[in-house]
Amino acid sequence: MDKLLKEAFVRLCDEDLEWLKNQPDSLERQHIEAIVADSPARYYDDNTRIAELEAQLKEREWIRLSKSCPKHGRSYDIWIKSSENDKYGRRIADVIFFEGYFDTKFRQQPVTHPEYISHYSPLPSPPKEQE
């Protein structure tokens, strides 16, 4: 089934590329051509890349602080809410969770409402060096 779907998808991409060749040359056209030409490989051949991207997205989800505790010594983005203003919220980036507390002493901003941390999000892992 996947092979049939891939063959149909490749044919559609080839038809689009043929149509694009007859369009006026522009940076936009070149950009679209590159995307369409690369699409079959991205969708059907590069499952490891797709899994890697999905893992990165999952790693970046906001986690409610009341449901889970962050890991000691890791960096996070945190979401600040106000107990007096439900429309208020702000993000503080790259905060370290240390001994049960988020270290925000170097990142403090003026407080306009009583605040509390409602969510946190792990920062992505640093890029791996290729040998």
Foldseek 3Di string as FASTA:
>chain_A
DVVVVLVVLLVVLVVVLVVLVPDDDDPVSVVVNVCSVCVSCVVPPPVVVVVVVVVQVVQFDKDFCVVDPDDAFFWKKWKKAAPVDRVDIDIDGTWGCHPNDTPCPVPDDDDPGHIDTTIIGGDDDDDDDDD
